Amino acid sequence: LVYFPPSIGWMVNLQELTMQNNGIHVLPRSVCKLYDLNSLDFSYNSMTKLLPYIGNFTKMSELRLSWNEIQELPVQVGRLYSLTLLMLDHNKIVWISPSLGRLSNLT
């Protein structure tokens, strides 16, 4: 999948989105309009960074971004207060925002 349709943002009641094994380089802005997402899985892609709008997912409990090329986690990750699962293995992370320490529900 190279093209991600903006119309995905119209699926406002979507609770789970899995987009594994695609050539996605960045989380599409249209996905960040899905405020009710509980689970997001963009593992096995080519993502190099997370943009600040990742902080929009305040209801999300599971975020899977394994096997990408992500190098840093932005401050806005600290707004994901409902996260119980955060998978970032097999990335190239060199910097993690101290705000990650606010995620007290991670197990």
PDB file of N, CA and C in Angstrom:
ATOM      1  N   LEU A   1       0.854  -1.188   0.000  1.00  0.00           N
ATOM      2  CA  LEU A   1       0.000   0.000   0.000  1.00  0.00           C
ATOM      3  C   LEU A   1       0.884   1.229   0.000  1.00  0.00           C
ATOM      4  N   VAL A   2       0.776   2.019  -1.008  1.00  0.00           N
ATOM      5  CA  VAL A   2       1.565   3.239  -1.109  1.00  0.00           C
ATOM      6  C   VAL A   2       0.696   4.455  -0.822  1.00  0.00           C
ATOM      7  N   TYR A   3      -0.527   4.418  -1.327  1.00  0.00           N
ATOM      8  CA  TYR A   3      -1.451   5.538  -1.155  1.00  0.00           C
ATOM      9  C   TYR A   3      -2.428   5.233  -0.032  1.00  0.00           C
ATOM     10  N   PHE A   4      -2.586   6.145   0.883  1.00  0.00           N
ATOM     11  CA  PHE A   4      -3.512   5.980   1.995  1.00  0.00           C
ATOM     12  C   PHE A   4      -4.639   6.984   1.804  1.00  0.00           C
ATOM     13  N   PRO A   5      -5.867   6.530   1.524  1.00  0.00           N
ATOM     14  CA  PRO A   5      -6.961   7.451   1.203  1.00  0.00           C
ATOM     15  C   PRO A   5      -7.345   8.347   2.382  1.00  0.00           C
ATOM     16  N   PRO A   6      -7.488   9.643   2.137  1.00  0.00           N
ATOM     17  CA  PRO A   6      -7.907  10.557   3.199  1.00  0.00           C
ATOM     18  C   PRO A   6      -9.266  10.197   3.785  1.00  0.00           C
ATOM     19  N   SER A   7     -10.079   9.476   3.023  1.00  0.00           N
ATOM     20  CA  SER A   7     -11.417   9.120   3.490  1.00  0.00           C
ATOM     21  C   SER A   7     -11.382   8.197   4.713  1.00  0.00           C
ATOM     22  N   ILE A   8     -10.245   7.638   5.046  1.00  0.00           N
ATOM     23  CA  ILE A   8     -10.149   6.806   6.261  1.00  0.00           C
ATOM     24  C   ILE A   8     -10.542   7.636   7.487  1.00  0.00           C
ATOM     25  N   GLY A   9     -10.305   8.929   7.419  1.00  0.00           N
ATOM     26  CA  GLY A   9     -10.648   9.820   8.524  1.00  0.00           C
ATOM     27  C   GLY A   9     -12.147   9.960   8.755  1.00  0.00           C
ATOM     28  N   TRP A  10     -12.947   9.513   7.813  1.00  0.00           N
ATOM     29  CA  TRP A  10     -14.406   9.572   7.953  1.00  0.00           C
ATOM     30  C   TRP A  10     -14.940   8.414   8.782  1.00  0.00           C
ATOM     31  N   MET A  11     -14.138   7.428   9.040  1.00  0.00           N
ATOM     32  CA  MET A  11     -14.583   6.244   9.791  1.00  0.00           C
ATOM     33  C   MET A  11     -14.440   6.516  11.286  1.00  0.00           C
ATOM     34  N   VAL A  12     -15.180   7.488  11.762  1.00  0.00           N
ATOM     35  CA  VAL A  12     -14.990   8.023  13.109  1.00  0.00           C
ATOM     36  C   VAL A  12     -15.265   7.021  14.229  1.00  0.00           C
ATOM     37  N   ASN A  13     -15.972   5.944  13.956  1.00  0.00           N
ATOM     38  CA  ASN A  13     -16.257   4.952  14.987  1.00  0.00           C
ATOM     39  C   ASN A  13     -15.283   3.781  14.969  1.00  0.00           C
ATOM     40  N   LEU A  14     -14.294   3.827  14.092  1.00  0.00           N
ATOM     41  CA  LEU A  14     -13.315   2.755  13.993  1.00  0.00           C
ATOM     42  C   LEU A  14     -12.541   2.633  15.297  1.00  0.00           C
ATOM     43  N   GLN A  15     -12.431   1.409  15.799  1.00  0.00           N
ATOM     44  CA  GLN A  15     -11.741   1.198  17.070  1.00  0.00           C
ATOM     45  C   GLN A  15     -10.413   0.474  16.930  1.00  0.00           C
ATOM     46  N   GLU A  16     -10.205  -0.214  15.817  1.00  0.00           N
ATOM     47  CA  GLU A  16      -8.956  -0.936  15.611  1.00  0.00           C
ATOM     48  C   GLU A  16      -8.526  -0.787  14.162  1.00  0.00           C
ATOM     49  N   LEU A  17      -7.240  -0.481  13.961  1.00  0.00           N
ATOM     50  CA  LEU A  17      -6.691  -0.343  12.617  1.00  0.00           C
ATOM     51  C   LEU A  17      -5.351  -1.054  12.555  1.00  0.00           C
ATOM     52  N   THR A  18      -5.255  -2.027  11.665  1.00  0.00           N
ATOM     53  CA  THR A  18      -4.029  -2.781  11.467  1.00  0.00           C
ATOM     54  C   THR A  18      -3.568  -2.586  10.032  1.00  0.00           C
ATOM     55  N   MET A  19      -2.366  -2.086   9.862  1.00  0.00           N
ATOM     56  CA  MET A  19      -1.797  -1.821   8.541  1.00  0.00           C
ATOM     57  C   MET A  19      -0.369  -2.365   8.483  1.00  0.00           C
ATOM     58  N   GLN A  20      -0.197  -3.613   8.823  1.00  0.00           N
ATOM     59  CA  GLN A  20       1.123  -4.246   8.812  1.00  0.00           C
ATOM     60  C   GLN A  20       1.595  -4.516   7.393  1.00  0.00           C
ATOM     61  N   ASN A  21       2.925  -4.597   7.259  1.00  0.00           N
ATOM     62  CA  ASN A  21       3.568  -5.020   6.012  1.00  0.00           C
ATOM     63  C   ASN A  21       3.187  -4.191   4.800  1.00  0.00           C
ATOM     64  N   ASN A  22       3.313  -2.900   4.919  1.00  0.00           N
ATOM     65  CA  ASN A  22       3.093  -1.983   3.812  1.00  0.00           C
ATOM     66  C   ASN A  22       4.333  -1.098   3.688  1.00  0.00           C
ATOM     67  N   GLY A  23       4.351  -0.229   2.754  1.00  0.00           N
ATOM     68  CA  GLY A  23       5.487   0.665   2.572  1.00  0.00           C
ATOM     69  C   GLY A  23       5.249   2.036   3.161  1.00  0.00           C
ATOM     70  N   ILE A  24       4.511   2.096   4.249  1.00  0.00           N
ATOM     71  CA  ILE A  24       4.122   3.372   4.847  1.00  0.00           C
ATOM     72  C   ILE A  24       5.323   4.007   5.539  1.00  0.00           C
ATOM     73  N   HIS A  25       5.601   5.279   5.202  1.00  0.00           N
ATOM     74  CA  HIS A  25       6.743   5.992   5.771  1.00  0.00           C
ATOM     75  C   HIS A  25       6.365   6.883   6.941  1.00  0.00           C
ATOM     76  N   VAL A  26       5.114   7.325   6.968  1.00  0.00           N
ATOM     77  CA  VAL A  26       4.660   8.207   8.041  1.00  0.00           C
ATOM     78  C   VAL A  26       3.190   7.909   8.303  1.00  0.00           C
ATOM     79  N   LEU A  27       2.796   8.015   9.547  1.00  0.00           N
ATOM     80  CA  LEU A  27       1.405   7.800   9.911  1.00  0.00           C
ATOM     81  C   LEU A  27       0.563   8.879   9.229  1.00  0.00           C
ATOM     82  N   PRO A  28      -0.364   8.489   8.366  1.00  0.00           N
ATOM     83  CA  PRO A  28      -1.155   9.484   7.631  1.00  0.00           C
ATOM     84  C   PRO A  28      -1.965  10.385   8.561  1.00  0.00           C
ATOM     85  N   ARG A  29      -1.984  11.666   8.245  1.00  0.00           N
ATOM     86  CA  ARG A  29      -2.711  12.642   9.065  1.00  0.00           C
ATOM     87  C   ARG A  29      -4.193  12.273   9.171  1.00  0.00           C
ATOM     88  N   SER A  30      -4.757  11.696   8.110  1.00  0.00           N
ATOM     89  CA  SER A  30      -6.177  11.323   8.129  1.00  0.00           C
ATOM     90  C   SER A  30      -6.464  10.276   9.197  1.00  0.00           C
ATOM     91  N   VAL A  31      -5.532   9.414   9.494  1.00  0.00           N
ATOM     92  CA  VAL A  31      -5.707   8.399  10.541  1.00  0.00           C
ATOM     93  C   VAL A  31      -5.825   9.070  11.906  1.00  0.00           C
ATOM     94  N   CYS A  32      -5.156  10.180  12.070  1.00  0.00           N
ATOM     95  CA  CYS A  32      -5.154  10.862  13.361  1.00  0.00           C
ATOM     96  C   CYS A  32      -6.451  11.588  13.668  1.00  0.00           C
ATOM     97  N   LYS A  33      -7.431  11.470  12.778  1.00  0.00           N
ATOM     98  CA  LYS A  33      -8.771  11.988  13.048  1.00  0.00           C
ATOM     99  C   LYS A  33      -9.655  10.912  13.662  1.00  0.00           C
ATOM    100  N   LEU A  34      -9.121   9.729  13.818  1.00  0.00           N
ATOM    101  CA  LEU A  34      -9.880   8.600  14.364  1.00  0.00           C
ATOM    102  C   LEU A  34      -9.687   8.562  15.881  1.00  0.00           C
ATOM    103  N   TYR A  35     -10.303   9.492  16.545  1.00  0.00           N
ATOM    104  CA  TYR A  35     -10.084   9.710  17.971  1.00  0.00           C
ATOM    105  C   TYR A  35     -10.528   8.548  18.847  1.00  0.00           C
ATOM    106  N   ASP A  36     -11.395   7.659  18.341  1.00  0.00           N
ATOM    107  CA  ASP A  36     -11.891   6.549  19.140  1.00  0.00           C
ATOM    108  C   ASP A  36     -11.079   5.270  18.980  1.00  0.00           C
ATOM    109  N   LEU A  37      -9.967   5.332  18.267  1.00  0.00           N
ATOM    110  CA  LEU A  37      -9.145   4.132  18.092  1.00  0.00           C
ATOM    111  C   LEU A  37      -8.652   3.610  19.443  1.00  0.00           C
ATOM    112  N   ASN A  38      -8.811   2.313  19.641  1.00  0.00           N
ATOM    113  CA  ASN A  38      -8.276   1.649  20.826  1.00  0.00           C
ATOM    114  C   ASN A  38      -6.950   0.974  20.511  1.00  0.00           C
ATOM    115  N   SER A  39      -6.810   0.537  19.260  1.00  0.00           N
ATOM    116  CA  SER A  39      -5.632  -0.226  18.869  1.00  0.00           C
ATOM    117  C   SER A  39      -5.163   0.213  17.483  1.00  0.00           C
ATOM    118  N   LEU A  40      -3.871   0.486  17.384  1.00  0.00           N
ATOM    119  CA  LEU A  40      -3.270   0.882  16.113  1.00  0.00           C
ATOM    120  C   LEU A  40      -2.019   0.047  15.905  1.00  0.00           C
ATOM    121  N   ASP A  41      -1.936  -0.619  14.760  1.00  0.00           N
ATOM    122  CA  ASP A  41      -0.795  -1.479  14.451  1.00  0.00           C
ATOM    123  C   ASP A  41      -0.243  -1.117  13.073  1.00  0.00           C
ATOM    124  N   PHE A  42       0.898  -0.461  13.062  1.00  0.00           N
ATOM    125  CA  PHE A  42       1.608  -0.113  11.837  1.00  0.00           C
ATOM    126  C   PHE A  42       2.972  -0.790  11.840  1.00  0.00           C
ATOM    127  N   SER A  43       3.034  -1.998  12.354  1.00  0.00           N
ATOM    128  CA  SER A  43       4.280  -2.759  12.389  1.00  0.00           C
ATOM    129  C   SER A  43       4.689  -3.179  10.982  1.00  0.00           C
ATOM    130  N   TYR A  44       5.960  -3.467  10.833  1.00  0.00           N
ATOM    131  CA  TYR A  44       6.512  -3.955   9.554  1.00  0.00           C
ATOM    132  C   TYR A  44       6.244  -2.987   8.403  1.00  0.00           C
ATOM    133  N   ASN A  45       6.562  -1.726   8.620  1.00  0.00           N
ATOM    134  CA  ASN A  45       6.463  -0.714   7.581  1.00  0.00           C
ATOM    135  C   ASN A  45       7.824  -0.047   7.444  1.00  0.00           C
ATOM    136  N   SER A  46       7.837   1.136   6.905  1.00  0.00           N
ATOM    137  CA  SER A  46       9.094   1.876   6.707  1.00  0.00           C
ATOM    138  C   SER A  46       9.041   3.227   7.408  1.00  0.00           C
ATOM    139  N   MET A  47       8.301   3.301   8.490  1.00  0.00           N
ATOM    140  CA  MET A  47       8.144   4.564   9.200  1.00  0.00           C
ATOM    141  C   MET A  47       9.467   4.986   9.829  1.00  0.00           C
ATOM    142  N   THR A  48       9.824   6.257   9.631  1.00  0.00           N
ATOM    143  CA  THR A  48      11.067   6.772  10.178  1.00  0.00           C
ATOM    144  C   THR A  48      10.847   7.676  11.378  1.00  0.00           C
ATOM    145  N   LYS A  49       9.647   8.226  11.509  1.00  0.00           N
ATOM    146  CA  LYS A  49       9.364   9.104  12.642  1.00  0.00           C
ATOM    147  C   LYS A  49       7.864   9.153  12.902  1.00  0.00           C
ATOM    148  N   LEU A  50       7.542   9.615  14.098  1.00  0.00           N
ATOM    149  CA  LEU A  50       6.154   9.866  14.472  1.00  0.00           C
ATOM    150  C   LEU A  50       5.977  11.370  14.536  1.00  0.00           C
ATOM    151  N   LEU A  51       4.942  11.866  13.901  1.00  0.00           N
ATOM    152  CA  LEU A  51       4.682  13.294  13.918  1.00  0.00           C
ATOM    153  C   LEU A  51       3.887  13.665  15.173  1.00  0.00           C
ATOM    154  N   PRO A  52       3.885  14.946  15.551  1.00  0.00           N
ATOM    155  CA  PRO A  52       3.238  15.366  16.804  1.00  0.00           C
ATOM    156  C   PRO A  52       1.773  14.971  16.939  1.00  0.00           C
ATOM    157  N   TYR A  53       1.055  14.813  15.836  1.00  0.00           N
ATOM    158  CA  TYR A  53      -0.363  14.491  15.964  1.00  0.00           C
ATOM    159  C   TYR A  53      -0.610  13.082  16.495  1.00  0.00           C
ATOM    160  N   ILE A  54       0.430  12.326  16.772  1.00  0.00           N
ATOM    161  CA  ILE A  54       0.269  11.026  17.438  1.00  0.00           C
ATOM    162  C   ILE A  54      -0.408  11.231  18.799  1.00  0.00           C
ATOM    163  N   GLY A  55      -0.256  12.410  19.369  1.00  0.00           N
ATOM    164  CA  GLY A  55      -0.863  12.721  20.667  1.00  0.00           C
ATOM    165  C   GLY A  55      -2.374  12.833  20.643  1.00  0.00           C
ATOM    166  N   ASN A  56      -2.989  12.778  19.472  1.00  0.00           N
ATOM    167  CA  ASN A  56      -4.449  12.850  19.360  1.00  0.00           C
ATOM    168  C   ASN A  56      -5.143  11.604  19.894  1.00  0.00           C
ATOM    169  N   PHE A  57      -4.426  10.503  20.006  1.00  0.00           N
ATOM    170  CA  PHE A  57      -5.035   9.219  20.364  1.00  0.00           C
ATOM    171  C   PHE A  57      -5.118   9.012  21.878  1.00  0.00           C
ATOM    172  N   THR A  58      -5.797   9.888  22.558  1.00  0.00           N
ATOM    173  CA  THR A  58      -5.840   9.830  24.015  1.00  0.00           C
ATOM    174  C   THR A  58      -6.614   8.628  24.551  1.00  0.00           C
ATOM    175  N   LYS A  59      -7.440   7.981  23.737  1.00  0.00           N
ATOM    176  CA  LYS A  59      -8.201   6.795  24.180  1.00  0.00           C
ATOM    177  C   LYS A  59      -7.504   5.484  23.829  1.00  0.00           C
ATOM    178  N   MET A  60      -6.422   5.549  23.094  1.00  0.00           N
ATOM    179  CA  MET A  60      -5.763   4.346  22.599  1.00  0.00           C
ATOM    180  C   MET A  60      -5.115   3.546  23.731  1.00  0.00           C
ATOM    181  N   SER A  61      -5.357   2.237  23.707  1.00  0.00           N
ATOM    182  CA  SER A  61      -4.752   1.371  24.721  1.00  0.00           C
ATOM    183  C   SER A  61      -3.585   0.554  24.163  1.00  0.00           C
ATOM    184  N   GLU A  62      -3.549   0.341  22.840  1.00  0.00           N
ATOM    185  CA  GLU A  62      -2.481  -0.462  22.243  1.00  0.00           C
ATOM    186  C   GLU A  62      -1.903   0.237  21.023  1.00  0.00           C
ATOM    187  N   LEU A  63      -0.590   0.406  21.021  1.00  0.00           N
ATOM    188  CA  LEU A  63       0.114   1.004  19.895  1.00  0.00           C
ATOM    189  C   LEU A  63       1.277   0.097  19.518  1.00  0.00           C
ATOM    190  N   ARG A  64       1.202  -0.451  18.322  1.00  0.00           N
ATOM    191  CA  ARG A  64       2.232  -1.380  17.841  1.00  0.00           C
ATOM    192  C   ARG A  64       2.937  -0.754  16.631  1.00  0.00           C
ATOM    193  N   LEU A  65       4.231  -0.505  16.805  1.00  0.00           N
ATOM    194  CA  LEU A  65       5.039   0.100  15.752  1.00  0.00           C
ATOM    195  C   LEU A  65       6.348  -0.659  15.562  1.00  0.00           C
ATOM    196  N   SER A  66       6.352  -1.926  15.849  1.00  0.00           N
ATOM    197  CA  SER A  66       7.557  -2.750  15.730  1.00  0.00           C
ATOM    198  C   SER A  66       8.005  -2.863  14.277  1.00  0.00           C
ATOM    199  N   TRP A  67       9.287  -3.142  14.116  1.00  0.00           N
ATOM    200  CA  TRP A  67       9.876  -3.391  12.795  1.00  0.00           C
ATOM    201  C   TRP A  67       9.649  -2.228  11.824  1.00  0.00           C
ATOM    202  N   ASN A  68      10.045  -1.051  12.251  1.00  0.00           N
ATOM    203  CA  ASN A  68      10.043   0.132  11.412  1.00  0.00           C
ATOM    204  C   ASN A  68      11.451   0.725  11.457  1.00  0.00           C
ATOM    205  N   GLU A  69      11.567   1.979  11.125  1.00  0.00           N
ATOM    206  CA  GLU A  69      12.854   2.682  11.139  1.00  0.00           C
ATOM    207  C   GLU A  69      12.774   3.913  12.048  1.00  0.00           C
ATOM    208  N   ILE A  70      11.876   3.886  13.018  1.00  0.00           N
ATOM    209  CA  ILE A  70      11.628   5.036  13.890  1.00  0.00           C
ATOM    210  C   ILE A  70      12.881   5.338  14.705  1.00  0.00           C
ATOM    211  N   GLN A  71      13.254   6.632  14.745  1.00  0.00           N
ATOM    212  CA  GLN A  71      14.469   7.044  15.436  1.00  0.00           C
ATOM    213  C   GLN A  71      14.207   7.772  16.745  1.00  0.00           C
ATOM    214  N   GLU A  72      13.043   8.397  16.872  1.00  0.00           N
ATOM    215  CA  GLU A  72      12.750   9.105  18.117  1.00  0.00           C
ATOM    216  C   GLU A  72      11.254   9.143  18.383  1.00  0.00           C
ATOM    217  N   LEU A  73      10.922   9.295  19.657  1.00  0.00           N
ATOM    218  CA  LEU A  73       9.523   9.402  20.071  1.00  0.00           C
ATOM    219  C   LEU A  73       9.260  10.846  20.486  1.00  0.00           C
ATOM    220  N   PRO A  74       8.302  11.507  19.855  1.00  0.00           N
ATOM    221  CA  PRO A  74       8.039  12.915  20.179  1.00  0.00           C
ATOM    222  C   PRO A  74       7.401  13.083  21.556  1.00  0.00           C
ATOM    223  N   VAL A  75       7.475  14.282  22.057  1.00  0.00           N
ATOM    224  CA  VAL A  75       6.899  14.631  23.354  1.00  0.00           C
ATOM    225  C   VAL A  75       5.428  14.245  23.435  1.00  0.00           C
ATOM    226  N   GLN A  76       4.702  14.349  22.332  1.00  0.00           N
ATOM    227  CA  GLN A  76       3.258  14.102  22.311  1.00  0.00           C
ATOM    228  C   GLN A  76       2.900  12.661  22.642  1.00  0.00           C
ATOM    229  N   VAL A  77       3.833  11.748  22.590  1.00  0.00           N
ATOM    230  CA  VAL A  77       3.564  10.365  22.998  1.00  0.00           C
ATOM    231  C   VAL A  77       3.141  10.340  24.470  1.00  0.00           C
ATOM    232  N   GLY A  78       3.612  11.298  25.222  1.00  0.00           N
ATOM    233  CA  GLY A  78       3.249  11.387  26.632  1.00  0.00           C
ATOM    234  C   GLY A  78       1.791  11.713  26.887  1.00  0.00           C
ATOM    235  N   ARG A  79       1.021  12.043  25.848  1.00  0.00           N
ATOM    236  CA  ARG A  79      -0.419  12.309  25.984  1.00  0.00           C
ATOM    237  C   ARG A  79      -1.262  11.043  25.853  1.00  0.00           C
ATOM    238  N   LEU A  80      -0.644   9.933  25.547  1.00  0.00           N
ATOM    239  CA  LEU A  80      -1.384   8.684  25.326  1.00  0.00           C
ATOM    240  C   LEU A  80      -1.604   7.978  26.661  1.00  0.00           C
ATOM    241  N   TYR A  81      -2.318   8.630  27.546  1.00  0.00           N
ATOM    242  CA  TYR A  81      -2.489   8.178  28.929  1.00  0.00           C
ATOM    243  C   TYR A  81      -3.159   6.824  29.068  1.00  0.00           C
ATOM    244  N   SER A  82      -3.938   6.414  28.089  1.00  0.00           N
ATOM    245  CA  SER A  82      -4.658   5.138  28.187  1.00  0.00           C
ATOM    246  C   SER A  82      -3.839   3.943  27.717  1.00  0.00           C
ATOM    247  N   LEU A  83      -2.634   4.173  27.200  1.00  0.00           N
ATOM    248  CA  LEU A  83      -1.826   3.069  26.674  1.00  0.00           C
ATOM    249  C   LEU A  83      -1.508   2.041  27.753  1.00  0.00           C
ATOM    250  N   THR A  84      -1.791   0.793  27.428  1.00  0.00           N
ATOM    251  CA  THR A  84      -1.371  -0.321  28.285  1.00  0.00           C
ATOM    252  C   THR A  84      -0.308  -1.156  27.582  1.00  0.00           C
ATOM    253  N   LEU A  85      -0.206  -0.990  26.258  1.00  0.00           N
ATOM    254  CA  LEU A  85       0.764  -1.744  25.463  1.00  0.00           C
ATOM    255  C   LEU A  85       1.413  -0.820  24.438  1.00  0.00           C
ATOM    256  N   LEU A  86       2.728  -0.759  24.458  1.00  0.00           N
ATOM    257  CA  LEU A  86       3.495   0.025  23.496  1.00  0.00           C
ATOM    258  C   LEU A  86       4.629  -0.854  22.978  1.00  0.00           C
ATOM    259  N   MET A  87       4.556  -1.204  21.699  1.00  0.00           N
ATOM    260  CA  MET A  87       5.563  -2.080  21.109  1.00  0.00           C
ATOM    261  C   MET A  87       6.378  -1.287  20.088  1.00  0.00           C
ATOM    262  N   LEU A  88       7.673  -1.163  20.364  1.00  0.00           N
ATOM    263  CA  LEU A  88       8.583  -0.402  19.519  1.00  0.00           C
ATOM    264  C   LEU A  88       9.835  -1.198  19.171  1.00  0.00           C
ATOM    265  N   ASP A  89       9.790  -2.494  19.380  1.00  0.00           N
ATOM    266  CA  ASP A  89      10.987  -3.298  19.142  1.00  0.00           C
ATOM    267  C   ASP A  89      11.381  -3.284  17.666  1.00  0.00           C
ATOM    268  N   HIS A  90      12.640  -3.481  17.434  1.00  0.00           N
ATOM    269  CA  HIS A  90      13.226  -3.515  16.089  1.00  0.00           C
ATOM    270  C   HIS A  90      13.024  -2.208  15.328  1.00  0.00           C
ATOM    271  N   ASN A  91      13.350  -1.113  15.978  1.00  0.00           N
ATOM    272  CA  ASN A  91      13.403   0.209  15.377  1.00  0.00           C
ATOM    273  C   ASN A  91      14.821   0.723  15.562  1.00  0.00           C
ATOM    274  N   LYS A  92      15.050   1.969  15.250  1.00  0.00           N
ATOM    275  CA  LYS A  92      16.377   2.577  15.387  1.00  0.00           C
ATOM    276  C   LYS A  92      16.314   3.762  16.341  1.00  0.00           C
ATOM    277  N   ILE A  93      15.655   3.569  17.454  1.00  0.00           N
ATOM    278  CA  ILE A  93      15.389   4.653  18.388  1.00  0.00           C
ATOM    279  C   ILE A  93      16.680   5.112  19.065  1.00  0.00           C
ATOM    280  N   VAL A  94      16.929   6.422  18.958  1.00  0.00           N
ATOM    281  CA  VAL A  94      18.090   7.031  19.604  1.00  0.00           C
ATOM    282  C   VAL A  94      17.665   8.056  20.659  1.00  0.00           C
ATOM    283  N   TRP A  95      16.389   8.469  20.640  1.00  0.00           N
ATOM    284  CA  TRP A  95      15.900   9.446  21.604  1.00  0.00           C
ATOM    285  C   TRP A  95      14.454   9.145  21.950  1.00  0.00           C
ATOM    286  N   ILE A  96      14.177   9.152  23.245  1.00  0.00           N
ATOM    287  CA  ILE A  96      12.820   8.964  23.755  1.00  0.00           C
ATOM    288  C   ILE A  96      12.501  10.159  24.631  1.00  0.00           C
ATOM    289  N   SER A  97      11.382  10.790  24.382  1.00  0.00           N
ATOM    290  CA  SER A  97      10.977  11.937  25.180  1.00  0.00           C
ATOM    291  C   SER A  97      10.757  11.522  26.627  1.00  0.00           C
ATOM    292  N   PRO A  98      11.204  12.332  27.566  1.00  0.00           N
ATOM    293  CA  PRO A  98      10.943  12.041  28.980  1.00  0.00           C
ATOM    294  C   PRO A  98       9.448  11.952  29.298  1.00  0.00           C
ATOM    295  N   SER A  99       8.604  12.525  28.444  1.00  0.00           N
ATOM    296  CA  SER A  99       7.152  12.481  28.669  1.00  0.00           C
ATOM    297  C   SER A  99       6.636  11.038  28.667  1.00  0.00           C
ATOM    298  N   LEU A 100       7.397  10.115  28.115  1.00  0.00           N
ATOM    299  CA  LEU A 100       6.983   8.712  28.123  1.00  0.00           C
ATOM    300  C   LEU A 100       6.803   8.212  29.561  1.00  0.00           C
ATOM    301  N   GLY A 101       7.492   8.809  30.486  1.00  0.00           N
ATOM    302  CA  GLY A 101       7.368   8.435  31.897  1.00  0.00           C
ATOM    303  C   GLY A 101       6.005   8.712  32.484  1.00  0.00           C
ATOM    304  N   ARG A 102       5.190   9.512  31.827  1.00  0.00           N
ATOM    305  CA  ARG A 102       3.836   9.815  32.298  1.00  0.00           C
ATOM    306  C   ARG A 102       2.837   8.681  32.013  1.00  0.00           C
ATOM    307  N   LEU A 103       3.240   7.717  31.224  1.00  0.00           N
ATOM    308  CA  LEU A 103       2.321   6.655  30.809  1.00  0.00           C
ATOM    309  C   LEU A 103       2.302   5.562  31.864  1.00  0.00           C
ATOM    310  N   SER A 104       1.585   5.818  32.906  1.00  0.00           N
ATOM    311  CA  SER A 104       1.596   4.934  34.078  1.00  0.00           C
ATOM    312  C   SER A 104       0.799   3.648  33.886  1.00  0.00           C
ATOM    313  N   ASN A 105       0.019   3.518  32.810  1.00  0.00           N
ATOM    314  CA  ASN A 105      -0.768   2.312  32.581  1.00  0.00           C
ATOM    315  C   ASN A 105      -0.038   1.251  31.768  1.00  0.00           C
ATOM    316  N   LEU A 106       1.166   1.573  31.282  1.00  0.00           N
ATOM    317  CA  LEU A 106       1.917   0.580  30.501  1.00  0.00           C
ATOM    318  C   LEU A 106       2.263  -0.620  31.363  1.00  0.00           C
ATOM    319  N   THR A 107       2.110  -1.793  30.782  1.00  0.00           N
ATOM    320  CA  THR A 107       2.437  -3.006  31.534  1.00  0.00           C
ATOM    321  C   THR A 107       3.598  -3.732  30.907  1.00  0.00           C
TER     322      THR A 107
END
